[in-house]
Every structure is written in structure tokens, then in C-alpha cells.
C-alpha atoms as a PDB file:
ATOM      1  CA  MET A   1     -47.852  19.105 -10.744  1.00  0.00           C
ATOM      2  CA  ALA A   2     -47.623  15.883 -10.020  1.00  0.00           C
ATOM      3  CA  ARG A   3     -43.850  14.790  -8.748  1.00  0.00           C
ATOM      4  CA  GLY A   4     -44.148  10.415  -9.684  1.00  0.00           C
ATOM      5  CA  GLN A   5     -44.327   7.783  -7.828  1.00  0.00           C
ATOM      6  CA  ARG A   6     -42.621   8.569  -3.993  1.00  0.00           C
ATOM      7  CA  LYS A   7     -40.408   5.317  -2.735  1.00  0.00           C
ATOM      8  CA  THR A   8     -41.465   2.828  -0.052  1.00  0.00           C
ATOM      9  CA  ILE A   9     -39.506   2.569   2.755  1.00  0.00           C
ATOM     10  CA  ASP A  10     -38.909  -0.863   2.282  1.00  0.00           C
ATOM     11  CA  GLU A  11     -37.543   0.342  -1.543  1.00  0.00           C
ATOM     12  CA  LYS A  12     -35.304   3.076   0.140  1.00  0.00           C
ATOM     13  CA  ILE A  13     -33.375   0.053   2.854  1.00  0.00           C
ATOM     14  CA  THR A  14     -33.335  -1.480  -0.884  1.00  0.00           C
ATOM     15  CA  ALA A  15     -31.432   0.533  -2.436  1.00  0.00           C
ATOM     16  CA  LYS A  16     -28.818   2.289   0.803  1.00  0.00           C
ATOM     17  CA  GLN A  17     -27.973  -1.399   1.296  1.00  0.00           C
ATOM     18  CA  GLU A  18     -27.377  -2.002  -2.965  1.00  0.00           C
ATOM     19  CA  LEU A  19     -25.313   1.012  -2.639  1.00  0.00           C
ATOM     20  CA  ILE A  20     -23.295   0.518   0.210  1.00  0.00           C
ATOM     21  CA  GLU A  21     -22.547  -2.852  -0.713  1.00  0.00           C
ATOM     22  CA  ALA A  22     -21.649  -1.090  -3.828  1.00  0.00           C
ATOM     23  CA  LEU A  23     -18.761   1.321  -2.223  1.00  0.00           C
ATOM     24  CA  THR A  24     -18.111  -1.512  -0.692  1.00  0.00           C
ATOM     25  CA  THR A  25     -16.500  -3.850  -3.328  1.00  0.00           C
ATOM     26  CA  ARG A  26     -15.092   0.017  -4.710  1.00  0.00           C
ATOM     27  CA  ILE A  27     -13.006  -0.168  -1.450  1.00  0.00           C
ATOM     28  CA  GLU A  28     -11.801  -3.975  -1.594  1.00  0.00           C
ATOM     29  CA  SER A  29     -10.523  -2.835  -5.326  1.00  0.00           C
ATOM     30  CA  GLU A  30      -9.014   0.361  -4.287  1.00  0.00           C
ATOM     31  CA  LYS A  31      -7.269  -1.556  -1.629  1.00  0.00           C
ATOM     32  CA  ARG A  32      -5.917  -3.849  -3.468  1.00  0.00           C
ATOM     33  CA  GLU A  33      -4.177  -1.363  -6.169  1.00  0.00           C
ATOM     34  CA  LEU A  34      -2.577   0.092  -3.409  1.00  0.00           C
ATOM     35  CA  GLU A  35      -1.209  -3.032  -1.931  1.00  0.00           C
ATOM     36  CA  GLU A  36      -0.044  -3.644  -5.498  1.00  0.00           C
ATOM     37  CA  LEU A  37       1.021   0.154  -5.845  1.00  0.00           C
ATOM     38  CA  TYR A  38       3.456  -0.591  -2.772  1.00  0.00           C
ATOM     39  CA  GLN A  39       4.574  -3.567  -3.973  1.00  0.00           C
ATOM     40  CA  GLU A  40       5.992  -1.914  -7.562  1.00  0.00           C
ATOM     41  CA  LYS A  41       7.388   0.958  -5.333  1.00  0.00           C
ATOM     42  CA  ARG A  42       9.384  -1.735  -2.994  1.00  0.00           C
ATOM     43  CA  ARG A  43       9.966  -3.998  -5.690  1.00  0.00           C
ATOM     44  CA  LYS A  44      12.002  -0.447  -6.838  1.00  0.00           C
ATOM     45  CA  GLU A  45      13.342  -0.189  -4.281  1.00  0.00           C
ATOM     46  CA  LEU A  46      14.533  -3.453  -3.292  1.00  0.00           C
ATOM     47  CA  GLU A  47      16.265  -3.484  -7.868  1.00  0.00           C
ATOM     48  CA  ALA A  48      18.301   0.487  -6.224  1.00  0.00           C
ATOM     49  CA  VAL A  49      20.151  -1.055  -3.625  1.00  0.00           C
ATOM     50  CA  SER A  50      20.766  -4.782  -5.380  1.00  0.00           C
ATOM     51  CA  GLU A  51      21.796  -2.062  -8.378  1.00  0.00           C
ATOM     52  CA  LEU A  52      23.954  -0.426  -5.824  1.00  0.00           C
ATOM     53  CA  ILE A  53      25.667  -2.859  -4.767  1.00  0.00           C
ATOM     54  CA  GLU A  54      26.110  -4.919  -8.021  1.00  0.00           C
ATOM     55  CA  GLU A  55      28.151  -1.130  -8.854  1.00  0.00           C
ATOM     56  CA  SER A  56      30.392  -1.555  -5.685  1.00  0.00           C
ATOM     57  CA  GLY A  57      31.712  -4.651  -6.516  1.00  0.00           C
ATOM     58  CA  LEU A  58      30.440  -5.674  -2.817  1.00  0.00           C
ATOM     59  CA  GLU A  59      28.294  -9.175  -2.114  1.00  0.00           C
ATOM     60  CA  PRO A  60      25.959  -8.481  -0.357  1.00  0.00           C
ATOM     61  CA  GLU A  61      26.805  -9.799   2.814  1.00  0.00           C
ATOM     62  CA  GLU A  62      29.457  -6.972   3.494  1.00  0.00           C
ATOM     63  CA  VAL A  63      27.400  -4.565   2.433  1.00  0.00           C
ATOM     64  CA  ALA A  64      24.932  -5.726   5.169  1.00  0.00           C
ATOM     65  CA  ALA A  65      27.828  -6.064   7.932  1.00  0.00           C
ATOM     66  CA  VAL A  66      28.789  -1.803   6.855  1.00  0.00           C
ATOM     67  CA  LEU A  67      24.916  -1.329   7.424  1.00  0.00           C
ATOM     68  CA  GLN A  68      24.474  -3.046  10.453  1.00  0.00           C
ATOM     69  CA  GLN A  69      28.155  -1.178  11.778  1.00  0.00           C
ATOM     70  CA  TYR A  70      26.396   1.729  10.454  1.00  0.00           C
ATOM     71  CA  LEU A  71      22.960   1.395  12.385  1.00  0.00           C
ATOM     72  CA  GLU A  72      24.724   0.310  15.448  1.00  0.00           C
ATOM     73  CA  GLU A  73      26.827   2.737  15.882  1.00  0.00           C
ATOM     74  CA  ARG A  74      24.303   5.386  15.155  1.00  0.00           C
ATOM     75  CA  GLU A  75      22.160   3.600  17.893  1.00  0.00           C
ATOM     76  CA  GLU A  76      24.867   4.374  20.404  1.00  0.00           C
ATOM     77  CA  ALA A  77      25.204   8.077  19.760  1.00  0.00           C
ATOM     78  CA  VAL A  78      21.578   8.993  20.071  1.00  0.00           C
ATOM     79  CA  SER A  79      21.276   7.023  23.392  1.00  0.00           C
END
């Protein structure tokens, strides 16, 4: 049975180069999508914190001071 014409080495090289280019494009696209997901997650987290601050009735500066104090106390406890 005849198998059909075999590819030359140059055709194989070209095919591999095209495949690599297509995969590279796909990877870049996936990386962009992943970055968008990270940004969306961060926005949602910040919205949740913002809502908590608003519900507490505290000013953002007051919340920052409380957090800073907590972090300093926690660091001292670990040391």
C-alpha cells in the first residue's frame, strides 16, 4: 500500500516552527487572561475590605493604624 508522499526535513522544520509560534501565541494569551483574573480577584478583595471599612464607620486612616498596631504586636509575639 502506498502511504503518500513523505515530508522533507525542511517541511518538518517549518511545521515545527509554526507549531511553536502557535503555542507561544496561546501561552501569551493565557498569561494575559491569568493576569486579568488576578486583577479581578484583587478588585473583589478590595471591595470586600472597603465595604467592611464603610460598615465599621471608621475612617481608612483609623483602620490602617489599627492594622499597623496589630502587625507590630504580632511581629513582637513571633520574635
